[in-house]
Amino acid sequence: MLHITSLDDGLEIFKALGSDVRIQLLNTLLENGPMSMNQLASQLKITNGALTGHIKKLEECDLISISNESSGHGNQKICSLRQDKILIDIEQPVDDANTYRTQIKVGQFTSHDVCPTCGLATNKSLIGELDDIRYFDHPDRFQADIVWFTKGYVEYTVPNLIPRNNRISQISVSMEISSEAPGVDENWPSDISFYINDVLVGMWTSPGDYGDVRGMFTPDWWFNNWNQYGLLKLLVINRKGTFIDGLQISDVTTNMLNLDYTSTIRLKMAVEETSKHVGGLTIFGKTFGNYDQDINVNLNYSPIPQV
């Protein structure tokens, strides 16, 4: 997901999308998956030279990626979609100066209760044995860059280092997640619940567990028939409610959570046994999946009114 936080920041992307040919190019990749430059030029009925200019525009805006692939005819440039959606904030963004930012590795959970299938891995190897929940307590878990389980939860303590005498007005959490199917299955829904300090702030249904193509950052040793990438989701809790990718999922607000500079903040991601879709959860860190990031958290704050 590409998140545009202001109309001014999105100007180059809007220009890139202001072309019938480039829209057709994106739709072609959406329908067919990764394609070579020759295939795209033939499909769009344009020359390779004309295609190059359009590709450059889309690549500069991070909408597609180009990779080299060896074949019997030498190296070919392969074009792939890089984004699954674009989120545009129309409203004026929160004052960037009053923001505390932090990153949490996916293995840095402070509590858990998970059920197999489950496991953890670093960018170099698995941590312990597959489907053995004991390894979720192993010290090496702090280095994990992918975590998966069928049901249960993992909970993270979010560092709260906002200045003294301030309260939290907005919490934003960006993370790459998916379901956890036996093997992979893009049609494997899972209801993923989000909690802040044991308050259910909302639920989002993951469509599936993706393995049709290799994740852009997934290490070479990772098995081809295992989950390769997820969807980048943005969870926002503010004074208006709780949102996923700009769509409201509950009426829980930061005022109801009542968080200030003294508060401990616990973020829990869970797949409840009582949910309609118990399809597991996979959390991707920066060396797995399609996004070079861990769990990114922004805490926006404002002064506590003086009585």
C-alpha atoms as a PDB file:
ATOM      1  CA  MET A   1       0.000   0.000   0.000  1.00  0.00           C
ATOM      2  CA  LEU A   2       1.200   3.488  -0.884  1.00  0.00           C
ATOM      3  CA  HIS A   3       0.157   6.068   1.712  1.00  0.00           C
ATOM      4  CA  ILE A   4      -0.023   9.680   0.476  1.00  0.00           C
ATOM      5  CA  THR A   5      -0.395  11.975   3.467  1.00  0.00           C
ATOM      6  CA  SER A   6      -1.084  15.181   1.550  1.00  0.00           C
ATOM      7  CA  LEU A   7      -2.248  16.177  -1.926  1.00  0.00           C
ATOM      8  CA  ASP A   8       0.995  18.076  -2.520  1.00  0.00           C
ATOM      9  CA  ASP A   9       3.079  14.964  -1.757  1.00  0.00           C
ATOM     10  CA  GLY A  10       1.026  12.954  -4.251  1.00  0.00           C
ATOM     11  CA  LEU A  11       1.446  15.348  -7.174  1.00  0.00           C
ATOM     12  CA  GLU A  12       3.995  13.212  -9.082  1.00  0.00           C
ATOM     13  CA  ILE A  13       1.888  10.086  -8.613  1.00  0.00           C
ATOM     14  CA  PHE A  14      -1.208  11.897  -9.887  1.00  0.00           C
ATOM     15  CA  LYS A  15       0.790  12.967 -12.951  1.00  0.00           C
ATOM     16  CA  ALA A  16       1.995   9.387 -13.489  1.00  0.00           C
ATOM     17  CA  LEU A  17      -1.588   8.129 -13.382  1.00  0.00           C
ATOM     18  CA  GLY A  18      -2.796  10.860 -15.741  1.00  0.00           C
ATOM     19  CA  SER A  19      -2.124   8.754 -18.830  1.00  0.00           C
ATOM     20  CA  ASP A  20      -4.412   6.238 -20.532  1.00  0.00           C
ATOM     21  CA  VAL A  21      -1.408   4.134 -21.574  1.00  0.00           C
ATOM     22  CA  ARG A  22       0.007   3.948 -18.049  1.00  0.00           C
ATOM     23  CA  ILE A  23      -3.407   3.041 -16.597  1.00  0.00           C
ATOM     24  CA  GLN A  24      -3.696   0.309 -19.248  1.00  0.00           C
ATOM     25  CA  LEU A  25      -0.176  -0.843 -18.353  1.00  0.00           C
ATOM     26  CA  LEU A  26      -1.085  -1.167 -14.668  1.00  0.00           C
ATOM     27  CA  ASN A  27      -4.325  -2.986 -15.493  1.00  0.00           C
ATOM     28  CA  THR A  28      -2.380  -5.408 -17.703  1.00  0.00           C
ATOM     29  CA  LEU A  29       0.019  -6.248 -14.862  1.00  0.00           C
ATOM     30  CA  LEU A  30      -2.926  -6.558 -12.492  1.00  0.00           C
ATOM     31  CA  GLU A  31      -4.605  -9.097 -14.779  1.00  0.00           C
ATOM     32  CA  ASN A  32      -1.522 -11.082 -15.834  1.00  0.00           C
ATOM     33  CA  GLY A  33       1.032 -10.687 -13.050  1.00  0.00           C
ATOM     34  CA  PRO A  34       4.719  -9.941 -13.769  1.00  0.00           C
ATOM     35  CA  MET A  35       5.532  -9.563 -17.475  1.00  0.00           C
ATOM     36  CA  SER A  36       8.598  -8.886 -19.570  1.00  0.00           C
ATOM     37  CA  MET A  37       9.069  -5.572 -21.345  1.00  0.00           C
ATOM     38  CA  ASN A  38       8.586  -7.295 -24.711  1.00  0.00           C
ATOM     39  CA  GLN A  39       5.333  -8.886 -23.567  1.00  0.00           C
ATOM     40  CA  LEU A  40       4.027  -5.572 -22.260  1.00  0.00           C
ATOM     41  CA  ALA A  41       4.938  -3.667 -25.426  1.00  0.00           C
ATOM     42  CA  SER A  42       3.191  -6.301 -27.526  1.00  0.00           C
ATOM     43  CA  GLN A  43       0.100  -6.320 -25.300  1.00  0.00           C
ATOM     44  CA  LEU A  44      -0.166  -2.517 -25.303  1.00  0.00           C
ATOM     45  CA  LYS A  45       0.657  -2.302 -29.033  1.00  0.00           C
ATOM     46  CA  ILE A  46       3.422   0.270 -28.545  1.00  0.00           C
ATOM     47  CA  THR A  47       7.145   0.214 -29.261  1.00  0.00           C
ATOM     48  CA  ASN A  48       9.704  -0.775 -26.623  1.00  0.00           C
ATOM     49  CA  GLY A  49      11.071   2.765 -26.775  1.00  0.00           C
ATOM     50  CA  ALA A  50       7.695   4.292 -25.976  1.00  0.00           C
ATOM     51  CA  LEU A  51       7.131   1.722 -23.222  1.00  0.00           C
ATOM     52  CA  THR A  52      10.430   2.643 -21.541  1.00  0.00           C
ATOM     53  CA  GLY A  53       9.259   6.202 -20.853  1.00  0.00           C
ATOM     54  CA  HIS A  54       6.006   5.031 -19.286  1.00  0.00           C
ATOM     55  CA  ILE A  55       7.812   2.405 -17.198  1.00  0.00           C
ATOM     56  CA  LYS A  56      10.259   5.008 -15.910  1.00  0.00           C
ATOM     57  CA  LYS A  57       7.431   7.286 -14.742  1.00  0.00           C
ATOM     58  CA  LEU A  58       5.680   4.471 -12.847  1.00  0.00           C
ATOM     59  CA  GLU A  59       8.932   3.151 -11.374  1.00  0.00           C
ATOM     60  CA  GLU A  60       9.926   6.610 -10.081  1.00  0.00           C
ATOM     61  CA  CYS A  61       6.603   6.765  -8.205  1.00  0.00           C
ATOM     62  CA  ASP A  62       7.129   3.298  -6.673  1.00  0.00           C
ATOM     63  CA  LEU A  63       4.072   1.888  -8.459  1.00  0.00           C
ATOM     64  CA  ILE A  64       5.993  -0.871 -10.269  1.00  0.00           C
ATOM     65  CA  SER A  65       9.367  -2.570  -9.892  1.00  0.00           C
ATOM     66  CA  ILE A  66      11.806  -3.886 -12.487  1.00  0.00           C
ATOM     67  CA  SER A  67      13.945  -7.005 -12.035  1.00  0.00           C
ATOM     68  CA  ASN A  68      16.278  -8.955 -14.307  1.00  0.00           C
ATOM     69  CA  GLU A  69      15.471 -12.557 -15.135  1.00  0.00           C
ATOM     70  CA  SER A  70      17.735 -14.956 -16.992  1.00  0.00           C
ATOM     71  CA  SER A  71      16.261 -17.060 -19.790  1.00  0.00           C
ATOM     72  CA  GLY A  72      17.352 -18.918 -22.873  1.00  0.00           C
ATOM     73  CA  HIS A  73      17.387 -15.598 -24.702  1.00  0.00           C
ATOM     74  CA  GLY A  74      19.597 -13.801 -22.165  1.00  0.00           C
ATOM     75  CA  ASN A  75      18.514 -11.391 -19.452  1.00  0.00           C
ATOM     76  CA  GLN A  76      14.994  -9.984 -19.617  1.00  0.00           C
ATOM     77  CA  LYS A  77      13.600  -7.073 -17.669  1.00  0.00           C
ATOM     78  CA  ILE A  78      10.497  -8.153 -15.752  1.00  0.00           C
ATOM     79  CA  CYS A  79       7.872  -5.597 -14.642  1.00  0.00           C
ATOM     80  CA  SER A  80       5.819  -6.231 -11.484  1.00  0.00           C
ATOM     81  CA  LEU A  81       3.211  -4.263  -9.563  1.00  0.00           C
ATOM     82  CA  ARG A  82       4.667  -2.923  -6.336  1.00  0.00           C
ATOM     83  CA  GLN A  83       1.530  -1.591  -4.638  1.00  0.00           C
ATOM     84  CA  ASP A  84      -1.782  -3.294  -3.873  1.00  0.00           C
ATOM     85  CA  LYS A  85      -3.585  -0.023  -3.167  1.00  0.00           C
ATOM     86  CA  ILE A  86      -3.093   3.744  -2.797  1.00  0.00           C
ATOM     87  CA  LEU A  87      -4.395   5.557   0.280  1.00  0.00           C
ATOM     88  CA  ILE A  88      -4.744   9.358  -0.006  1.00  0.00           C
ATOM     89  CA  ASP A  89      -5.345  11.599   3.010  1.00  0.00           C
ATOM     90  CA  ILE A  90      -7.527  14.512   1.887  1.00  0.00           C
ATOM     91  CA  GLU A  91      -7.739  16.070   5.343  1.00  0.00           C
ATOM     92  CA  GLN A  92      -4.916  18.237   6.654  1.00  0.00           C
ATOM     93  CA  PRO A  93      -2.284  15.933   8.203  1.00  0.00           C
ATOM     94  CA  VAL A  94      -1.540  15.936  11.922  1.00  0.00           C
ATOM     95  CA  ASP A  95       1.293  18.311  12.866  1.00  0.00           C
ATOM     96  CA  ASP A  96       4.395  16.298  12.008  1.00  0.00           C
ATOM     97  CA  ALA A  97       6.457  18.110  14.642  1.00  0.00           C
ATOM     98  CA  ASN A  98       4.396  16.602  17.479  1.00  0.00           C
ATOM     99  CA  THR A  99       5.041  12.986  16.548  1.00  0.00           C
ATOM    100  CA  TYR A 100       7.075  10.281  18.253  1.00  0.00           C
ATOM    101  CA  ARG A 101       8.117   7.511  15.836  1.00  0.00           C
ATOM    102  CA  THR A 102       9.334   4.033  16.678  1.00  0.00           C
ATOM    103  CA  GLN A 103       9.851   0.654  15.004  1.00  0.00           C
ATOM    104  CA  ILE A 104       9.197  -2.727  16.615  1.00  0.00           C
ATOM    105  CA  LYS A 105      10.672  -5.955  15.247  1.00  0.00           C
ATOM    106  CA  VAL A 106       8.001  -8.590  14.679  1.00  0.00           C
ATOM    107  CA  GLY A 107       9.712 -10.963  17.119  1.00  0.00           C
ATOM    108  CA  GLN A 108       9.860  -8.368  19.892  1.00  0.00           C
ATOM    109  CA  PHE A 109       6.503  -9.352  21.418  1.00  0.00           C
ATOM    110  CA  THR A 110       6.249  -9.223  25.201  1.00  0.00           C
ATOM    111  CA  SER A 111       3.525 -11.854  25.591  1.00  0.00           C
ATOM    112  CA  HIS A 112       1.862 -14.489  23.447  1.00  0.00           C
ATOM    113  CA  ASP A 113      -0.558 -17.403  23.367  1.00  0.00           C
ATOM    114  CA  VAL A 114      -0.443 -19.114  19.978  1.00  0.00           C
ATOM    115  CA  CYS A 115      -1.529 -22.387  18.387  1.00  0.00           C
ATOM    116  CA  PRO A 116       0.092 -24.362  15.526  1.00  0.00           C
ATOM    117  CA  THR A 117       0.638 -24.114  12.686  1.00  0.00           C
ATOM    118  CA  CYS A 118       3.167 -21.628  13.976  1.00  0.00           C
ATOM    119  CA  GLY A 119       6.782 -20.567  13.780  1.00  0.00           C
ATOM    120  CA  LEU A 120       9.379 -17.835  13.643  1.00  0.00           C
ATOM    121  CA  ALA A 121      12.395 -17.163  11.445  1.00  0.00           C
ATOM    122  CA  THR A 122      15.224 -14.699  11.001  1.00  0.00           C
ATOM    123  CA  ASN A 123      16.500 -13.684   7.582  1.00  0.00           C
ATOM    124  CA  LYS A 124      19.005 -16.568   7.850  1.00  0.00           C
ATOM    125  CA  SER A 125      17.098 -19.540   9.307  1.00  0.00           C
ATOM    126  CA  LEU A 126      14.122 -20.896  11.209  1.00  0.00           C
ATOM    127  CA  ILE A 127      14.134 -20.424  14.982  1.00  0.00           C
ATOM    128  CA  GLY A 128      13.855 -23.904  16.457  1.00  0.00           C
ATOM    129  CA  GLU A 129      11.271 -26.384  15.206  1.00  0.00           C
ATOM    130  CA  LEU A 130       8.117 -25.727  13.229  1.00  0.00           C
ATOM    131  CA  ASP A 131       4.802 -25.848  15.128  1.00  0.00           C
ATOM    132  CA  ASP A 132       6.553 -25.943  18.527  1.00  0.00           C
ATOM    133  CA  ILE A 133       5.154 -23.054  20.607  1.00  0.00           C
ATOM    134  CA  ARG A 134       8.055 -23.306  23.074  1.00  0.00           C
ATOM    135  CA  TYR A 135      10.281 -21.439  20.608  1.00  0.00           C
ATOM    136  CA  PHE A 136       8.086 -18.355  20.957  1.00  0.00           C
ATOM    137  CA  ASP A 137       9.941 -17.955  24.285  1.00  0.00           C
ATOM    138  CA  HIS A 138      13.402 -18.546  22.810  1.00  0.00           C
ATOM    139  CA  PRO A 139      15.796 -15.569  23.183  1.00  0.00           C
ATOM    140  CA  ASP A 140      16.442 -15.612  19.425  1.00  0.00           C
ATOM    141  CA  ARG A 141      12.833 -14.555  18.834  1.00  0.00           C
ATOM    142  CA  PHE A 142      13.917 -10.915  19.214  1.00  0.00           C
ATOM    143  CA  GLN A 143      15.755 -11.278  15.876  1.00  0.00           C
ATOM    144  CA  ALA A 144      12.754 -12.794  14.071  1.00  0.00           C
ATOM    145  CA  ASP A 145      11.594 -11.069  10.892  1.00  0.00           C
ATOM    146  CA  ILE A 146       8.553 -13.278  10.300  1.00  0.00           C
ATOM    147  CA  VAL A 147       6.058 -14.722  12.795  1.00  0.00           C
ATOM    148  CA  TRP A 148       3.028 -16.898  12.040  1.00  0.00           C
ATOM    149  CA  PHE A 149       0.313 -18.804  13.929  1.00  0.00           C
ATOM    150  CA  THR A 150      -3.177 -20.244  13.338  1.00  0.00           C
ATOM    151  CA  LYS A 151      -4.996 -18.707  16.319  1.00  0.00           C
ATOM    152  CA  GLY A 152      -4.146 -16.863  19.519  1.00  0.00           C
ATOM    153  CA  TYR A 153      -2.233 -13.614  19.842  1.00  0.00           C
ATOM    154  CA  VAL A 154       1.062 -11.783  20.112  1.00  0.00           C
ATOM    155  CA  GLU A 155       1.312  -8.549  22.107  1.00  0.00           C
ATOM    156  CA  TYR A 156       3.903  -5.779  21.824  1.00  0.00           C
ATOM    157  CA  THR A 157       4.811  -3.019  24.244  1.00  0.00           C
ATOM    158  CA  VAL A 158       5.029   0.238  22.277  1.00  0.00           C
ATOM    159  CA  PRO A 159       7.736   2.595  23.592  1.00  0.00           C
ATOM    160  CA  ASN A 160       6.025   5.755  24.827  1.00  0.00           C
ATOM    161  CA  LEU A 161       8.614   8.526  24.878  1.00  0.00           C
ATOM    162  CA  ILE A 162       6.426  11.505  24.071  1.00  0.00           C
ATOM    163  CA  PRO A 163       7.389  14.674  25.991  1.00  0.00           C
ATOM    164  CA  ARG A 164       6.176  15.143  29.550  1.00  0.00           C
ATOM    165  CA  ASN A 165       2.803  16.797  30.177  1.00  0.00           C
ATOM    166  CA  ASN A 166       1.436  15.659  26.806  1.00  0.00           C
ATOM    167  CA  ARG A 167      -1.354  13.262  25.880  1.00  0.00           C
ATOM    168  CA  ILE A 168      -1.685  11.022  22.840  1.00  0.00           C
ATOM    169  CA  SER A 169      -4.112  12.285  20.206  1.00  0.00           C
ATOM    170  CA  GLN A 170      -3.467   9.667  17.510  1.00  0.00           C
ATOM    171  CA  ILE A 171      -1.840   6.241  17.181  1.00  0.00           C
ATOM    172  CA  SER A 172      -0.797   5.016  13.719  1.00  0.00           C
ATOM    173  CA  VAL A 173       0.472   1.474  13.165  1.00  0.00           C
ATOM    174  CA  SER A 174       1.810   0.351   9.784  1.00  0.00           C
ATOM    175  CA  MET A 175       2.456  -3.381   9.299  1.00  0.00           C
ATOM    176  CA  GLU A 176       2.646  -6.036   6.585  1.00  0.00           C
ATOM    177  CA  ILE A 177       0.313  -8.909   7.487  1.00  0.00           C
ATOM    178  CA  SER A 178      -1.633 -11.788   5.969  1.00  0.00           C
ATOM    179  CA  SER A 179      -3.527 -14.938   6.921  1.00  0.00           C
ATOM    180  CA  GLU A 180      -1.766 -18.223   7.761  1.00  0.00           C
ATOM    181  CA  ALA A 181      -2.995 -21.119   5.622  1.00  0.00           C
ATOM    182  CA  PRO A 182      -1.623 -24.665   5.376  1.00  0.00           C
ATOM    183  CA  GLY A 183       0.911 -23.940   2.642  1.00  0.00           C
ATOM    184  CA  VAL A 184      -0.413 -20.853   0.829  1.00  0.00           C
ATOM    185  CA  ASP A 185      -3.913 -19.911  -0.297  1.00  0.00           C
ATOM    186  CA  GLU A 186      -4.901 -16.454  -1.551  1.00  0.00           C
ATOM    187  CA  ASN A 187      -8.543 -17.246  -0.690  1.00  0.00           C
ATOM    188  CA  TRP A 188      -8.091 -17.966   3.019  1.00  0.00           C
ATOM    189  CA  PRO A 189      -9.907 -15.264   5.034  1.00  0.00           C
ATOM    190  CA  SER A 190      -8.902 -14.560   8.607  1.00  0.00           C
ATOM    191  CA  ASP A 191     -10.454 -12.153  11.119  1.00  0.00           C
ATOM    192  CA  ILE A 192      -7.577 -10.267  12.769  1.00  0.00           C
ATOM    193  CA  SER A 193      -8.454  -8.290  15.909  1.00  0.00           C
ATOM    194  CA  PHE A 194      -6.454  -5.327  17.212  1.00  0.00           C
ATOM    195  CA  TYR A 195      -6.308  -4.353  20.877  1.00  0.00           C
ATOM    196  CA  ILE A 196      -4.761  -1.413  22.720  1.00  0.00           C
ATOM    197  CA  ASN A 197      -4.327  -2.132  26.450  1.00  0.00           C
ATOM    198  CA  ASP A 198      -6.904  -4.965  26.226  1.00  0.00           C
ATOM    199  CA  VAL A 199      -9.481  -2.681  24.551  1.00  0.00           C
ATOM    200  CA  LEU A 200     -10.695  -4.131  21.240  1.00  0.00           C
ATOM    201  CA  VAL A 201     -10.263  -1.217  18.836  1.00  0.00           C
ATOM    202  CA  GLY A 202     -11.329  -3.073  15.709  1.00  0.00           C
ATOM    203  CA  MET A 203     -11.110  -6.080  13.411  1.00  0.00           C
ATOM    204  CA  TRP A 204      -9.967  -6.514   9.812  1.00  0.00           C
ATOM    205  CA  THR A 205     -10.462  -9.593   7.623  1.00  0.00           C
ATOM    206  CA  SER A 206      -7.338 -10.641   5.757  1.00  0.00           C
ATOM    207  CA  PRO A 207      -8.299 -12.076   2.339  1.00  0.00           C
ATOM    208  CA  GLY A 208      -5.597 -14.740   2.161  1.00  0.00           C
ATOM    209  CA  ASP A 209      -2.066 -16.082   2.518  1.00  0.00           C
ATOM    210  CA  TYR A 210       0.012 -15.131  -0.512  1.00  0.00           C
ATOM    211  CA  GLY A 211       2.610 -17.219  -2.317  1.00  0.00           C
ATOM    212  CA  ASP A 212       1.964 -16.727  -6.037  1.00  0.00           C
ATOM    213  CA  VAL A 213       5.269 -14.866  -6.456  1.00  0.00           C
ATOM    214  CA  ARG A 214       8.289 -14.513  -4.228  1.00  0.00           C
ATOM    215  CA  GLY A 215       8.292 -11.586  -1.801  1.00  0.00           C
ATOM    216  CA  MET A 216      10.613  -8.789  -2.895  1.00  0.00           C
ATOM    217  CA  PHE A 217      12.610  -8.995   0.357  1.00  0.00           C
ATOM    218  CA  THR A 218      11.986 -12.653   1.236  1.00  0.00           C
ATOM    219  CA  PRO A 219      15.386 -14.369   1.647  1.00  0.00           C
ATOM    220  CA  ASP A 220      16.576 -16.940  -0.902  1.00  0.00           C
ATOM    221  CA  TRP A 221      16.561 -19.843   1.548  1.00  0.00           C
ATOM    222  CA  TRP A 222      12.815 -19.476   2.285  1.00  0.00           C
ATOM    223  CA  PHE A 223      10.675 -22.257   0.815  1.00  0.00           C
ATOM    224  CA  ASN A 224       8.725 -21.470  -2.361  1.00  0.00           C
ATOM    225  CA  ASN A 225       5.471 -23.038  -1.100  1.00  0.00           C
ATOM    226  CA  TRP A 226       5.437 -20.933   2.102  1.00  0.00           C
ATOM    227  CA  ASN A 227       3.871 -17.494   2.622  1.00  0.00           C
ATOM    228  CA  GLN A 228       5.862 -14.991   0.594  1.00  0.00           C
ATOM    229  CA  TYR A 229       4.324 -11.593   1.304  1.00  0.00           C
ATOM    230  CA  GLY A 230       1.403  -9.803   2.957  1.00  0.00           C
ATOM    231  CA  LEU A 231      -0.621  -6.620   2.579  1.00  0.00           C
ATOM    232  CA  LEU A 232       0.596  -3.356   4.068  1.00  0.00           C
ATOM    233  CA  LYS A 233      -2.136  -2.141   6.423  1.00  0.00           C
ATOM    234  CA  LEU A 234      -2.413   1.181   8.257  1.00  0.00           C
ATOM    235  CA  LEU A 235      -4.283   1.106  11.569  1.00  0.00           C
ATOM    236  CA  VAL A 236      -5.143   4.587  12.874  1.00  0.00           C
ATOM    237  CA  ILE A 237      -6.852   5.438  16.166  1.00  0.00           C
ATOM    238  CA  ASN A 238      -7.655   9.123  16.653  1.00  0.00           C
ATOM    239  CA  ARG A 239     -10.305  11.369  18.194  1.00  0.00           C
ATOM    240  CA  LYS A 240     -12.839  10.400  15.503  1.00  0.00           C
ATOM    241  CA  GLY A 241     -12.569   6.613  15.761  1.00  0.00           C
ATOM    242  CA  THR A 242     -10.479   3.667  14.551  1.00  0.00           C
ATOM    243  CA  PHE A 243      -9.626   3.187  10.873  1.00  0.00           C
ATOM    244  CA  ILE A 244      -7.916   0.672   8.579  1.00  0.00           C
ATOM    245  CA  ASP A 245      -6.560   2.280   5.411  1.00  0.00           C
ATOM    246  CA  GLY A 246      -8.865   5.240   5.948  1.00  0.00           C
ATOM    247  CA  LEU A 247     -12.055   3.161   6.404  1.00  0.00           C
ATOM    248  CA  GLN A 248     -13.632   3.336   9.858  1.00  0.00           C
ATOM    249  CA  ILE A 249     -13.824  -0.037  11.613  1.00  0.00           C
ATOM    250  CA  SER A 250     -15.009   1.076  15.086  1.00  0.00           C
ATOM    251  CA  ASP A 251     -16.008   4.058  17.224  1.00  0.00           C
ATOM    252  CA  VAL A 252     -13.117   3.582  19.686  1.00  0.00           C
ATOM    253  CA  THR A 253     -11.200   6.874  20.023  1.00  0.00           C
ATOM    254  CA  THR A 254      -7.991   7.976  21.678  1.00  0.00           C
ATOM    255  CA  ASN A 255     -10.093   9.969  24.147  1.00  0.00           C
ATOM    256  CA  MET A 256     -11.637   6.685  25.289  1.00  0.00           C
ATOM    257  CA  LEU A 257      -8.175   5.106  25.661  1.00  0.00           C
ATOM    258  CA  ASN A 258      -7.016   8.069  27.788  1.00  0.00           C
ATOM    259  CA  LEU A 259      -3.288   7.777  27.070  1.00  0.00           C
ATOM    260  CA  ASP A 260      -0.650  10.296  28.133  1.00  0.00           C
ATOM    261  CA  TYR A 261       3.121  10.472  28.656  1.00  0.00           C
ATOM    262  CA  THR A 262       2.902   8.149  31.687  1.00  0.00           C
ATOM    263  CA  SER A 263       0.885   5.401  29.937  1.00  0.00           C
ATOM    264  CA  THR A 264       2.078   1.932  29.038  1.00  0.00           C
ATOM    265  CA  ILE A 265       0.850   1.091  25.538  1.00  0.00           C
ATOM    266  CA  ARG A 266       0.288  -2.566  24.631  1.00  0.00           C
ATOM    267  CA  LEU A 267      -0.608  -3.481  21.047  1.00  0.00           C
ATOM    268  CA  LYS A 268      -2.138  -6.935  20.603  1.00  0.00           C
ATOM    269  CA  MET A 269      -2.863  -8.697  17.298  1.00  0.00           C
ATOM    270  CA  ALA A 270      -5.115 -11.710  17.684  1.00  0.00           C
ATOM    271  CA  VAL A 271      -7.056 -14.357  15.807  1.00  0.00           C
ATOM    272  CA  GLU A 272      -9.924 -15.266  18.115  1.00  0.00           C
ATOM    273  CA  GLU A 273     -11.133 -18.850  18.341  1.00  0.00           C
ATOM    274  CA  THR A 274     -14.714 -17.542  18.229  1.00  0.00           C
ATOM    275  CA  SER A 275     -14.214 -15.525  15.040  1.00  0.00           C
ATOM    276  CA  LYS A 276     -16.146 -16.348  11.873  1.00  0.00           C
ATOM    277  CA  HIS A 277     -12.871 -16.771   9.935  1.00  0.00           C
ATOM    278  CA  VAL A 278     -10.119 -18.440  11.974  1.00  0.00           C
ATOM    279  CA  GLY A 279      -7.469 -18.263   9.278  1.00  0.00           C
ATOM    280  CA  GLY A 280      -4.328 -17.391  11.220  1.00  0.00           C
ATOM    281  CA  LEU A 281      -1.931 -14.462  11.124  1.00  0.00           C
ATOM    282  CA  THR A 282       1.465 -13.875   9.531  1.00  0.00           C
ATOM    283  CA  ILE A 283       3.467 -10.738  10.399  1.00  0.00           C
ATOM    284  CA  PHE A 284       6.308  -9.770   8.057  1.00  0.00           C
ATOM    285  CA  GLY A 285       9.403  -7.805   9.083  1.00  0.00           C
ATOM    286  CA  LYS A 286      11.801  -5.859   6.914  1.00  0.00           C
ATOM    287  CA  THR A 287      13.675  -8.883   5.456  1.00  0.00           C
ATOM    288  CA  PHE A 288      10.495 -10.708   4.390  1.00  0.00           C
ATOM    289  CA  GLY A 289       7.587  -9.795   2.134  1.00  0.00           C
ATOM    290  CA  ASN A 290       7.251  -6.763  -0.111  1.00  0.00           C
ATOM    291  CA  TYR A 291       7.921  -3.881   2.285  1.00  0.00           C
ATOM    292  CA  ASP A 292      11.250  -2.914   3.813  1.00  0.00           C
ATOM    293  CA  GLN A 293       9.879  -2.229   7.294  1.00  0.00           C
ATOM    294  CA  ASP A 294       9.098  -3.661  10.706  1.00  0.00           C
ATOM    295  CA  ILE A 295       5.978  -2.670  12.688  1.00  0.00           C
ATOM    296  CA  ASN A 296       6.075   1.129  12.436  1.00  0.00           C
ATOM    297  CA  VAL A 297       4.276   3.141  15.112  1.00  0.00           C
ATOM    298  CA  ASN A 298       3.646   6.909  15.211  1.00  0.00           C
ATOM    299  CA  LEU A 299       2.328   8.574  18.369  1.00  0.00           C
ATOM    300  CA  ASN A 300       0.906  12.054  17.803  1.00  0.00           C
ATOM    301  CA  TYR A 301       0.582  14.178  20.936  1.00  0.00           C
ATOM    302  CA  SER A 302      -0.677  17.491  22.229  1.00  0.00           C
ATOM    303  CA  PRO A 303      -0.309  19.351  25.566  1.00  0.00           C
ATOM    304  CA  ILE A 304      -2.502  18.327  28.489  1.00  0.00           C
ATOM    305  CA  PRO A 305      -4.832  21.277  29.176  1.00  0.00           C
ATOM    306  CA  GLN A 306      -3.965  23.085  32.395  1.00  0.00           C
ATOM    307  CA  VAL A 307      -6.790  23.181  34.907  1.00  0.00           C
END
